[in-house]
Each structure stands twice: as C-alpha cells, then as structure tokens.
C-alpha cells in the first residue's frame, strides 16, 4: 500500500501543517498584526479587547473554512486534470463511469 494512503487511513496526513508562505512580506505582516493587537490590548478596556478578540477569532474561523474549501476545490481540479491527461479523449466517459463529477 502507498505511504500516502496509509497516512490518510491513520490520520497522519495534515497538509495544513506544511504550509509556509514564501512571500517575502509574510513575516513582516505577521509582526505588524501582532504589534497592532498588542497596542489594542494596552489601550482598550478589558471588555472591549475581549470583543476584538472574538471578532478576530470569528475572522480566523471564516478564513480557515475558506482555505479548506479552496484546498478541496484545488484537489478536485487536480484530479480532473489527471483524468483528462490520462484519458485524453475519454474524460467525460471516465468521470461518469466513476461518478466523479
């Protein structure tokens, strides 16, 4: 059995843990975000800062959901590309035969 299939079966495959954006500004943007959050923490009364944290948590949840949907769609697109390349002119027949789409 393939190692990837075993990892999926045992729940060891976590692609989100291997995502490390290579954009040059990524680390700097994270530093700026942390600095701004720390400034709000110092300036806001506790109840207002808690509301800000709730907002940020909700935004993080929606971002995570969007990322999961984008990952899934990207994976589906990759499979469709593989089917088309491997089947050349048989894409639609293969897809319907396997109920892929």
PDB file of N, CA and C in Angstrom:
ATOM      1  N   UNK A   1       0.853  -1.183   0.000  1.00  0.00           N
ATOM      2  CA  UNK A   1       0.000   0.000   0.000  1.00  0.00           C
ATOM      3  C   UNK A   1       0.896   1.242   0.000  1.00  0.00           C
ATOM      4  N   UNK A   2       0.420   2.259  -0.664  1.00  0.00           N
ATOM      5  CA  UNK A   2       1.149   3.517  -0.742  1.00  0.00           C
ATOM      6  C   UNK A   2       1.287   4.159   0.636  1.00  0.00           C
ATOM      7  N   UNK A   3       2.381   4.797   0.895  1.00  0.00           N
ATOM      8  CA  UNK A   3       2.599   5.501   2.166  1.00  0.00           C
ATOM      9  C   UNK A   3       1.573   6.618   2.355  1.00  0.00           C
ATOM     10  N   UNK A   4       1.217   7.318   1.283  1.00  0.00           N
ATOM     11  CA  UNK A   4       0.228   8.389   1.373  1.00  0.00           C
ATOM     12  C   UNK A   4      -1.119   7.806   1.797  1.00  0.00           C
ATOM     13  N   UNK A   5      -1.498   6.687   1.214  1.00  0.00           N
ATOM     14  CA  UNK A   5      -2.768   6.064   1.578  1.00  0.00           C
ATOM     15  C   UNK A   5      -2.766   5.620   3.038  1.00  0.00           C
ATOM     16  N   UNK A   6      -1.657   5.101   3.493  1.00  0.00           N
ATOM     17  CA  UNK A   6      -1.555   4.723   4.913  1.00  0.00           C
ATOM     18  C   UNK A   6      -1.670   5.945   5.809  1.00  0.00           C
ATOM     19  N   UNK A   7      -1.017   7.005   5.437  1.00  0.00           N
ATOM     20  CA  UNK A   7      -1.090   8.235   6.227  1.00  0.00           C
ATOM     21  C   UNK A   7      -2.512   8.780   6.285  1.00  0.00           C
ATOM     22  N   UNK A   8      -3.225   8.720   5.164  1.00  0.00           N
ATOM     23  CA  UNK A   8      -4.629   9.154   5.168  1.00  0.00           C
ATOM     24  C   UNK A   8      -5.437   8.257   6.092  1.00  0.00           C
ATOM     25  N   UNK A   9      -5.251   6.948   5.969  1.00  0.00           N
ATOM     26  CA  UNK A   9      -6.009   5.997   6.778  1.00  0.00           C
ATOM     27  C   UNK A   9      -5.789   6.227   8.271  1.00  0.00           C
ATOM     28  N   UNK A  10      -4.549   6.421   8.664  1.00  0.00           N
ATOM     29  CA  UNK A  10      -4.234   6.587  10.086  1.00  0.00           C
ATOM     30  C   UNK A  10      -4.380   8.029  10.577  1.00  0.00           C
ATOM     31  N   UNK A  11      -4.794   8.916   9.702  1.00  0.00           N
ATOM     32  CA  UNK A  11      -4.998  10.310  10.099  1.00  0.00           C
ATOM     33  C   UNK A  11      -3.700  11.079  10.296  1.00  0.00           C
ATOM     34  N   UNK A  12      -2.640  10.616   9.659  1.00  0.00           N
ATOM     35  CA  UNK A  12      -1.336  11.264   9.823  1.00  0.00           C
ATOM     36  C   UNK A  12      -1.039  12.315   8.763  1.00  0.00           C
ATOM     37  N   UNK A  13      -1.899  12.441   7.792  1.00  0.00           N
ATOM     38  CA  UNK A  13      -1.664  13.399   6.723  1.00  0.00           C
ATOM     39  C   UNK A  13      -2.358  14.708   7.073  1.00  0.00           C
ATOM     40  N   UNK A  14      -1.571  15.733   7.326  1.00  0.00           N
ATOM     41  CA  UNK A  14      -2.092  17.046   7.695  1.00  0.00           C
ATOM     42  C   UNK A  14      -1.416  18.107   6.826  1.00  0.00           C
ATOM     43  N   UNK A  15      -1.895  18.290   5.595  1.00  0.00           N
ATOM     44  CA  UNK A  15      -1.218  19.217   4.685  1.00  0.00           C
ATOM     45  C   UNK A  15      -1.174  20.654   5.196  1.00  0.00           C
ATOM     46  N   UNK A  16      -2.141  21.028   6.019  1.00  0.00           N
ATOM     47  CA  UNK A  16      -2.140  22.405   6.531  1.00  0.00           C
ATOM     48  C   UNK A  16      -0.931  22.687   7.411  1.00  0.00           C
ATOM     49  N   UNK A  17      -0.313  21.662   7.977  1.00  0.00           N
ATOM     50  CA  UNK A  17       0.866  21.869   8.818  1.00  0.00           C
ATOM     51  C   UNK A  17       2.119  22.133   7.994  1.00  0.00           C
ATOM     52  N   UNK A  18       2.042  21.879   6.698  1.00  0.00           N
ATOM     53  CA  UNK A  18       3.205  22.064   5.834  1.00  0.00           C
ATOM     54  C   UNK A  18       3.130  23.346   5.013  1.00  0.00           C
ATOM     55  N   UNK A  19       2.163  24.177   5.325  1.00  0.00           N
ATOM     56  CA  UNK A  19       2.007  25.420   4.572  1.00  0.00           C
ATOM     57  C   UNK A  19       2.873  26.504   5.207  1.00  0.00           C
ATOM     58  N   UNK A  20       3.827  26.970   4.428  1.00  0.00           N
ATOM     59  CA  UNK A  20       4.729  28.032   4.871  1.00  0.00           C
ATOM     60  C   UNK A  20       4.844  29.035   3.729  1.00  0.00           C
ATOM     61  N   UNK A  21       4.009  30.082   3.750  1.00  0.00           N
ATOM     62  CA  UNK A  21       4.050  31.041   2.646  1.00  0.00           C
ATOM     63  C   UNK A  21       5.459  31.560   2.404  1.00  0.00           C
ATOM     64  N   UNK A  22       5.833  31.615   1.149  1.00  0.00           N
ATOM     65  CA  UNK A  22       7.177  32.047   0.780  1.00  0.00           C
ATOM     66  C   UNK A  22       7.224  33.525   0.396  1.00  0.00           C
ATOM     67  N   UNK A  23       6.078  34.181   0.455  1.00  0.00           N
ATOM     68  CA  UNK A  23       6.033  35.595   0.103  1.00  0.00           C
ATOM     69  C   UNK A  23       6.937  36.371   1.053  1.00  0.00           C
ATOM     70  N   UNK A  24       7.733  37.245   0.508  1.00  0.00           N
ATOM     71  CA  UNK A  24       8.726  37.969   1.309  1.00  0.00           C
ATOM     72  C   UNK A  24       8.103  38.840   2.399  1.00  0.00           C
ATOM     73  N   UNK A  25       6.885  39.283   2.224  1.00  0.00           N
ATOM     74  CA  UNK A  25       6.264  40.171   3.199  1.00  0.00           C
ATOM     75  C   UNK A  25       5.492  39.432   4.285  1.00  0.00           C
ATOM     76  N   UNK A  26       5.367  38.136   4.191  1.00  0.00           N
ATOM     77  CA  UNK A  26       4.517  37.380   5.110  1.00  0.00           C
ATOM     78  C   UNK A  26       4.913  37.563   6.578  1.00  0.00           C
ATOM     79  N   UNK A  27       6.175  37.359   6.894  1.00  0.00           N
ATOM     80  CA  UNK A  27       6.640  37.501   8.276  1.00  0.00           C
ATOM     81  C   UNK A  27       6.469  38.931   8.781  1.00  0.00           C
ATOM     82  N   UNK A  28       6.767  39.892   7.919  1.00  0.00           N
ATOM     83  CA  UNK A  28       6.623  41.294   8.313  1.00  0.00           C
ATOM     84  C   UNK A  28       5.164  41.635   8.592  1.00  0.00           C
ATOM     85  N   UNK A  29       4.258  41.154   7.781  1.00  0.00           N
ATOM     86  CA  UNK A  29       2.837  41.396   8.021  1.00  0.00           C
ATOM     87  C   UNK A  29       2.386  40.779   9.344  1.00  0.00           C
ATOM     88  N   UNK A  30       2.863  39.587   9.639  1.00  0.00           N
ATOM     89  CA  UNK A  30       2.529  38.958  10.925  1.00  0.00           C
ATOM     90  C   UNK A  30       3.051  39.767  12.103  1.00  0.00           C
ATOM     91  N   UNK A  31       4.247  40.312  11.970  1.00  0.00           N
ATOM     92  CA  UNK A  31       4.799  41.155  13.034  1.00  0.00           C
ATOM     93  C   UNK A  31       3.946  42.414  13.230  1.00  0.00           C
ATOM     94  N   UNK A  32       3.520  43.019  12.132  1.00  0.00           N
ATOM     95  CA  UNK A  32       2.679  44.212  12.219  1.00  0.00           C
ATOM     96  C   UNK A  32       1.339  43.887  12.882  1.00  0.00           C
ATOM     97  N   UNK A  33       0.750  42.761  12.514  1.00  0.00           N
ATOM     98  CA  UNK A  33      -0.522  42.351  13.119  1.00  0.00           C
ATOM     99  C   UNK A  33      -0.349  42.159  14.618  1.00  0.00           C
ATOM    100  N   UNK A  34       0.704  41.456  15.008  1.00  0.00           N
ATOM    101  CA  UNK A  34       0.951  41.219  16.433  1.00  0.00           C
ATOM    102  C   UNK A  34       1.154  42.527  17.189  1.00  0.00           C
ATOM    103  N   UNK A  35       1.881  43.437  16.589  1.00  0.00           N
ATOM    104  CA  UNK A  35       2.123  44.736  17.224  1.00  0.00           C
ATOM    105  C   UNK A  35       0.820  45.520  17.397  1.00  0.00           C
ATOM    106  N   UNK A  36      -0.012  45.532  16.372  1.00  0.00           N
ATOM    107  CA  UNK A  36      -1.290  46.238  16.467  1.00  0.00           C
ATOM    108  C   UNK A  36      -2.198  45.613  17.521  1.00  0.00           C
ATOM    109  N   UNK A  37      -2.234  44.310  17.559  1.00  0.00           N
ATOM    110  CA  UNK A  37      -3.063  43.628  18.564  1.00  0.00           C
ATOM    111  C   UNK A  37      -2.562  43.950  19.964  1.00  0.00           C
ATOM    112  N   UNK A  38      -1.265  43.958  20.135  1.00  0.00           N
ATOM    113  CA  UNK A  38      -0.696  44.293  21.447  1.00  0.00           C
ATOM    114  C   UNK A  38      -1.034  45.730  21.830  1.00  0.00           C
ATOM    115  N   UNK A  39      -0.997  46.645  20.866  1.00  0.00           N
ATOM    116  CA  UNK A  39      -1.372  48.035  21.137  1.00  0.00           C
ATOM    117  C   UNK A  39      -2.830  48.139  21.567  1.00  0.00           C
ATOM    118  N   UNK A  40      -3.712  47.412  20.889  1.00  0.00           N
ATOM    119  CA  UNK A  40      -5.127  47.410  21.281  1.00  0.00           C
ATOM    120  C   UNK A  40      -5.301  46.826  22.676  1.00  0.00           C
ATOM    121  N   UNK A  41      -4.534  45.803  22.969  1.00  0.00           N
ATOM    122  CA  UNK A  41      -4.616  45.173  24.293  1.00  0.00           C
ATOM    123  C   UNK A  41      -4.251  46.176  25.398  1.00  0.00           C
ATOM    124  N   UNK A  42      -3.268  47.011  25.127  1.00  0.00           N
ATOM    125  CA  UNK A  42      -2.840  48.007  26.112  1.00  0.00           C
ATOM    126  C   UNK A  42      -3.833  49.171  26.239  1.00  0.00           C
ATOM    127  N   UNK A  43      -4.464  49.551  25.122  1.00  0.00           N
ATOM    128  CA  UNK A  43      -5.306  50.753  25.116  1.00  0.00           C
ATOM    129  C   UNK A  43      -6.780  50.510  25.445  1.00  0.00           C
ATOM    130  N   UNK A  44      -7.279  49.361  25.083  1.00  0.00           N
ATOM    131  CA  UNK A  44      -8.719  49.120  25.256  1.00  0.00           C
ATOM    132  C   UNK A  44      -9.053  48.598  26.647  1.00  0.00           C
ATOM    133  N   UNK A  45     -10.220  48.937  27.131  1.00  0.00           N
ATOM    134  CA  UNK A  45     -10.684  48.321  28.373  1.00  0.00           C
ATOM    135  C   UNK A  45     -10.856  46.812  28.129  1.00  0.00           C
ATOM    136  N   UNK A  46     -10.746  46.013  29.180  1.00  0.00           N
ATOM    137  CA  UNK A  46     -10.798  44.550  29.007  1.00  0.00           C
ATOM    138  C   UNK A  46     -12.013  44.052  28.220  1.00  0.00           C
ATOM    139  N   UNK A  47     -13.206  44.581  28.485  1.00  0.00           N
ATOM    140  CA  UNK A  47     -14.392  44.077  27.780  1.00  0.00           C
ATOM    141  C   UNK A  47     -14.346  44.402  26.285  1.00  0.00           C
ATOM    142  N   UNK A  48     -13.789  45.552  25.926  1.00  0.00           N
ATOM    143  CA  UNK A  48     -13.677  45.902  24.507  1.00  0.00           C
ATOM    144  C   UNK A  48     -12.606  45.057  23.819  1.00  0.00           C
ATOM    145  N   UNK A  49     -11.511  44.812  24.531  1.00  0.00           N
ATOM    146  CA  UNK A  49     -10.472  43.953  23.951  1.00  0.00           C
ATOM    147  C   UNK A  49     -11.005  42.536  23.753  1.00  0.00           C
ATOM    148  N   UNK A  50     -11.815  42.048  24.687  1.00  0.00           N
ATOM    149  CA  UNK A  50     -12.423  40.722  24.542  1.00  0.00           C
ATOM    150  C   UNK A  50     -13.299  40.658  23.294  1.00  0.00           C
ATOM    151  N   UNK A  51     -14.037  41.741  23.038  1.00  0.00           N
ATOM    152  CA  UNK A  51     -14.868  41.787  21.830  1.00  0.00           C
ATOM    153  C   UNK A  51     -13.998  41.763  20.573  1.00  0.00           C
ATOM    154  N   UNK A  52     -12.879  42.494  20.618  1.00  0.00           N
ATOM    155  CA  UNK A  52     -11.960  42.488  19.487  1.00  0.00           C
ATOM    156  C   UNK A  52     -11.404  41.077  19.265  1.00  0.00           C
ATOM    157  N   UNK A  53     -11.040  40.403  20.333  1.00  0.00           N
ATOM    158  CA  UNK A  53     -10.547  39.023  20.217  1.00  0.00           C
ATOM    159  C   UNK A  53     -11.605  38.104  19.624  1.00  0.00           C
ATOM    160  N   UNK A  54     -12.853  38.289  20.039  1.00  0.00           N
ATOM    161  CA  UNK A  54     -13.939  37.479  19.477  1.00  0.00           C
ATOM    162  C   UNK A  54     -14.060  37.721  17.976  1.00  0.00           C
ATOM    163  N   UNK A  55     -13.982  38.983  17.576  1.00  0.00           N
ATOM    164  CA  UNK A  55     -14.038  39.317  16.159  1.00  0.00           C
ATOM    165  C   UNK A  55     -12.893  38.645  15.396  1.00  0.00           C
ATOM    166  N   UNK A  56     -11.692  38.747  15.932  1.00  0.00           N
ATOM    167  CA  UNK A  56     -10.535  38.139  15.274  1.00  0.00           C
ATOM    168  C   UNK A  56     -10.676  36.616  15.201  1.00  0.00           C
ATOM    169  N   UNK A  57     -11.203  36.013  16.255  1.00  0.00           N
ATOM    170  CA  UNK A  57     -11.429  34.559  16.245  1.00  0.00           C
ATOM    171  C   UNK A  57     -12.431  34.173  15.166  1.00  0.00           C
ATOM    172  N   UNK A  58     -13.523  34.932  15.052  1.00  0.00           N
ATOM    173  CA  UNK A  58     -14.528  34.644  14.025  1.00  0.00           C
ATOM    174  C   UNK A  58     -13.935  34.802  12.623  1.00  0.00           C
ATOM    175  N   UNK A  59     -13.128  35.843  12.445  1.00  0.00           N
ATOM    176  CA  UNK A  59     -12.475  36.040  11.149  1.00  0.00           C
ATOM    177  C   UNK A  59     -11.528  34.886  10.849  1.00  0.00           C
ATOM    178  N   UNK A  60     -10.824  34.410  11.868  1.00  0.00           N
ATOM    179  CA  UNK A  60      -9.938  33.262  11.689  1.00  0.00           C
ATOM    180  C   UNK A  60     -10.707  32.011  11.299  1.00  0.00           C
ATOM    181  N   UNK A  61     -11.867  31.824  11.896  1.00  0.00           N
ATOM    182  CA  UNK A  61     -12.691  30.658  11.565  1.00  0.00           C
ATOM    183  C   UNK A  61     -13.170  30.720  10.116  1.00  0.00           C
ATOM    184  N   UNK A  62     -13.623  31.905   9.681  1.00  0.00           N
ATOM    185  CA  UNK A  62     -14.084  32.005   8.298  1.00  0.00           C
ATOM    186  C   UNK A  62     -12.925  31.835   7.316  1.00  0.00           C
ATOM    187  N   UNK A  63     -11.768  32.359   7.674  1.00  0.00           N
ATOM    188  CA  UNK A  63     -10.588  32.186   6.821  1.00  0.00           C
ATOM    189  C   UNK A  63     -10.221  30.712   6.718  1.00  0.00           C
ATOM    190  N   UNK A  64     -10.290  30.006   7.834  1.00  0.00           N
ATOM    191  CA  UNK A  64      -9.995  28.581   7.835  1.00  0.00           C
ATOM    192  C   UNK A  64     -10.976  27.808   6.963  1.00  0.00           C
ATOM    193  N   UNK A  65     -12.259  28.146   7.062  1.00  0.00           N
ATOM    194  CA  UNK A  65     -13.276  27.484   6.229  1.00  0.00           C
ATOM    195  C   UNK A  65     -13.039  27.759   4.753  1.00  0.00           C
ATOM    196  N   UNK A  66     -12.696  28.997   4.440  1.00  0.00           N
ATOM    197  CA  UNK A  66     -12.416  29.361   3.050  1.00  0.00           C
ATOM    198  C   UNK A  66     -11.192  28.598   2.539  1.00  0.00           C
ATOM    199  N   UNK A  67     -10.159  28.523   3.359  1.00  0.00           N
ATOM    200  CA  UNK A  67      -8.943  27.814   2.957  1.00  0.00           C
ATOM    201  C   UNK A  67      -9.216  26.333   2.721  1.00  0.00           C
ATOM    202  N   UNK A  68     -10.029  25.720   3.581  1.00  0.00           N
ATOM    203  CA  UNK A  68     -10.382  24.312   3.407  1.00  0.00           C
ATOM    204  C   UNK A  68     -11.156  24.111   2.110  1.00  0.00           C
ATOM    205  N   UNK A  69     -12.085  25.025   1.815  1.00  0.00           N
ATOM    206  CA  UNK A  69     -12.852  24.921   0.571  1.00  0.00           C
ATOM    207  C   UNK A  69     -11.946  25.111  -0.647  1.00  0.00           C
ATOM    208  N   UNK A  70     -10.999  26.043  -0.564  1.00  0.00           N
ATOM    209  CA  UNK A  70     -10.064  26.277  -1.663  1.00  0.00           C
ATOM    210  C   UNK A  70      -9.168  25.061  -1.874  1.00  0.00           C
ATOM    211  N   UNK A  71      -8.714  24.455  -0.790  1.00  0.00           N
ATOM    212  CA  UNK A  71      -7.889  23.249  -0.867  1.00  0.00           C
ATOM    213  C   UNK A  71      -8.664  22.125  -1.552  1.00  0.00           C
ATOM    214  N   UNK A  72      -9.914  21.931  -1.128  1.00  0.00           N
ATOM    215  CA  UNK A  72     -10.748  20.879  -1.698  1.00  0.00           C
ATOM    216  C   UNK A  72     -10.974  21.115  -3.184  1.00  0.00           C
ATOM    217  N   UNK A  73     -11.299  22.344  -3.545  1.00  0.00           N
ATOM    218  CA  UNK A  73     -11.526  22.654  -4.953  1.00  0.00           C
ATOM    219  C   UNK A  73     -10.248  22.467  -5.761  1.00  0.00           C
ATOM    220  N   UNK A  74      -9.118  22.866  -5.211  1.00  0.00           N
ATOM    221  CA  UNK A  74      -7.839  22.673  -5.895  1.00  0.00           C
ATOM    222  C   UNK A  74      -7.525  21.200  -6.098  1.00  0.00           C
ATOM    223  N   UNK A  75      -7.820  20.391  -5.105  1.00  0.00           N
ATOM    224  CA  UNK A  75      -7.593  18.953  -5.215  1.00  0.00           C
ATOM    225  C   UNK A  75      -8.497  18.366  -6.300  1.00  0.00           C
ATOM    226  N   UNK A  76      -9.765  18.768  -6.303  1.00  0.00           N
ATOM    227  CA  UNK A  76     -10.697  18.280  -7.327  1.00  0.00           C
ATOM    228  C   UNK A  76     -10.226  18.674  -8.729  1.00  0.00           C
ATOM    229  N   UNK A  77      -9.764  19.905  -8.853  1.00  0.00           N
ATOM    230  CA  UNK A  77      -9.266  20.360 -10.144  1.00  0.00           C
ATOM    231  C   UNK A  77      -8.065  19.516 -10.572  1.00  0.00           C
ATOM    232  N   UNK A  78      -7.164  19.235  -9.630  1.00  0.00           N
ATOM    233  CA  UNK A  78      -6.011  18.395  -9.942  1.00  0.00           C
ATOM    234  C   UNK A  78      -6.422  17.009 -10.419  1.00  0.00           C
ATOM    235  N   UNK A  79      -7.426  16.428  -9.786  1.00  0.00           N
ATOM    236  CA  UNK A  79      -7.912  15.109 -10.194  1.00  0.00           C
ATOM    237  C   UNK A  79      -8.529  15.185 -11.587  1.00  0.00           C
ATOM    238  N   UNK A  80      -9.315  16.235 -11.848  1.00  0.00           N
ATOM    239  CA  UNK A  80      -9.915  16.374 -13.183  1.00  0.00           C
ATOM    240  C   UNK A  80      -8.837  16.519 -14.249  1.00  0.00           C
ATOM    241  N   UNK A  81      -7.774  17.263 -13.934  1.00  0.00           N
ATOM    242  CA  UNK A  81      -6.661  17.410 -14.882  1.00  0.00           C
ATOM    243  C   UNK A  81      -6.014  16.053 -15.138  1.00  0.00           C
ATOM    244  N   UNK A  82      -5.787  15.288 -14.079  1.00  0.00           N
ATOM    245  CA  UNK A  82      -5.175  13.961 -14.244  1.00  0.00           C
ATOM    246  C   UNK A  82      -6.060  13.052 -15.088  1.00  0.00           C
ATOM    247  N   UNK A  83      -7.364  13.076 -14.846  1.00  0.00           N
ATOM    248  CA  UNK A  83      -8.279  12.247 -15.624  1.00  0.00           C
ATOM    249  C   UNK A  83      -8.226  12.642 -17.097  1.00  0.00           C
ATOM    250  N   UNK A  84      -8.243  13.942 -17.351  1.00  0.00           N
ATOM    251  CA  UNK A  84      -8.211  14.400 -18.735  1.00  0.00           C
ATOM    252  C   UNK A  84      -6.898  14.002 -19.412  1.00  0.00           C
ATOM    253  N   UNK A  85      -5.786  14.179 -18.725  1.00  0.00           N
ATOM    254  CA  UNK A  85      -4.487  13.853 -19.309  1.00  0.00           C
ATOM    255  C   UNK A  85      -4.352  12.343 -19.528  1.00  0.00           C
ATOM    256  N   UNK A  86      -4.745  11.571 -18.557  1.00  0.00           N
ATOM    257  CA  UNK A  86      -4.594  10.124 -18.665  1.00  0.00           C
ATOM    258  C   UNK A  86      -5.588   9.512 -19.641  1.00  0.00           C
ATOM    259  N   UNK A  87      -6.767  10.086 -19.736  1.00  0.00           N
ATOM    260  CA  UNK A  87      -7.785   9.525 -20.613  1.00  0.00           C
ATOM    261  C   UNK A  87      -7.853  10.179 -21.965  1.00  0.00           C
ATOM    262  N   UNK A  88      -7.096  11.226 -22.170  1.00  0.00           N
ATOM    263  CA  UNK A  88      -7.089  12.017 -23.405  1.00  0.00           C
ATOM    264  C   UNK A  88      -8.511  12.372 -23.819  1.00  0.00           C
ATOM    265  N   UNK A  89      -9.152  11.626 -24.700  1.00  0.00           N
ATOM    266  CA  UNK A  89     -10.488  11.957 -25.172  1.00  0.00           C
ATOM    267  C   UNK A  89     -11.586  11.278 -24.389  1.00  0.00           C
ATOM    268  N   UNK A  90     -11.226  10.525 -23.356  1.00  0.00           N
ATOM    269  CA  UNK A  90     -12.212   9.749 -22.611  1.00  0.00           C
ATOM    270  C   UNK A  90     -12.599  10.397 -21.291  1.00  0.00           C
ATOM    271  N   UNK A  91     -12.334  11.661 -21.120  1.00  0.00           N
ATOM    272  CA  UNK A  91     -12.570  12.337 -19.845  1.00  0.00           C
ATOM    273  C   UNK A  91     -14.006  12.186 -19.364  1.00  0.00           C
ATOM    274  N   UNK A  92     -14.946  12.553 -20.198  1.00  0.00           N
ATOM    275  CA  UNK A  92     -16.342  12.520 -19.772  1.00  0.00           C
ATOM    276  C   UNK A  92     -16.807  11.097 -19.490  1.00  0.00           C
ATOM    277  N   UNK A  93     -16.379  10.146 -20.309  1.00  0.00           N
ATOM    278  CA  UNK A  93     -16.773   8.759 -20.094  1.00  0.00           C
ATOM    279  C   UNK A  93     -16.210   8.232 -18.782  1.00  0.00           C
ATOM    280  N   UNK A  94     -14.928   8.515 -18.505  1.00  0.00           N
ATOM    281  CA  UNK A  94     -14.306   8.058 -17.261  1.00  0.00           C
ATOM    282  C   UNK A  94     -14.950   8.693 -16.048  1.00  0.00           C
ATOM    283  N   UNK A  95     -15.216   9.980 -16.130  1.00  0.00           N
ATOM    284  CA  UNK A  95     -15.807  10.691 -14.996  1.00  0.00           C
ATOM    285  C   UNK A  95     -17.195  10.156 -14.694  1.00  0.00           C
ATOM    286  N   UNK A  96     -17.993   9.939 -15.729  1.00  0.00           N
ATOM    287  CA  UNK A  96     -19.351   9.443 -15.466  1.00  0.00           C
ATOM    288  C   UNK A  96     -19.332   8.003 -15.004  1.00  0.00           C
ATOM    289  N   UNK A  97     -18.406   7.209 -15.509  1.00  0.00           N
ATOM    290  CA  UNK A  97     -18.311   5.810 -15.114  1.00  0.00           C
ATOM    291  C   UNK A  97     -17.976   5.690 -13.630  1.00  0.00           C
ATOM    292  N   UNK A  98     -17.138   6.588 -13.133  1.00  0.00           N
ATOM    293  CA  UNK A  98     -16.722   6.537 -11.729  1.00  0.00           C
ATOM    294  C   UNK A  98     -17.529   7.487 -10.856  1.00  0.00           C
ATOM    295  N   UNK A  99     -18.523   8.147 -11.433  1.00  0.00           N
ATOM    296  CA  UNK A  99     -19.347   9.117 -10.710  1.00  0.00           C
ATOM    297  C   UNK A  99     -18.507  10.160  -9.981  1.00  0.00           C
ATOM    298  N   UNK A 100     -17.503  10.665 -10.679  1.00  0.00           N
ATOM    299  CA  UNK A 100     -16.599  11.628 -10.053  1.00  0.00           C
ATOM    300  C   UNK A 100     -17.165  13.044 -10.080  1.00  0.00           C
ATOM    301  N   UNK A 101     -17.981  13.367 -11.079  1.00  0.00           N
ATOM    302  CA  UNK A 101     -18.425  14.750 -11.195  1.00  0.00           C
ATOM    303  C   UNK A 101     -19.890  14.792 -11.558  1.00  0.00           C
TER     304      UNK A 101
END
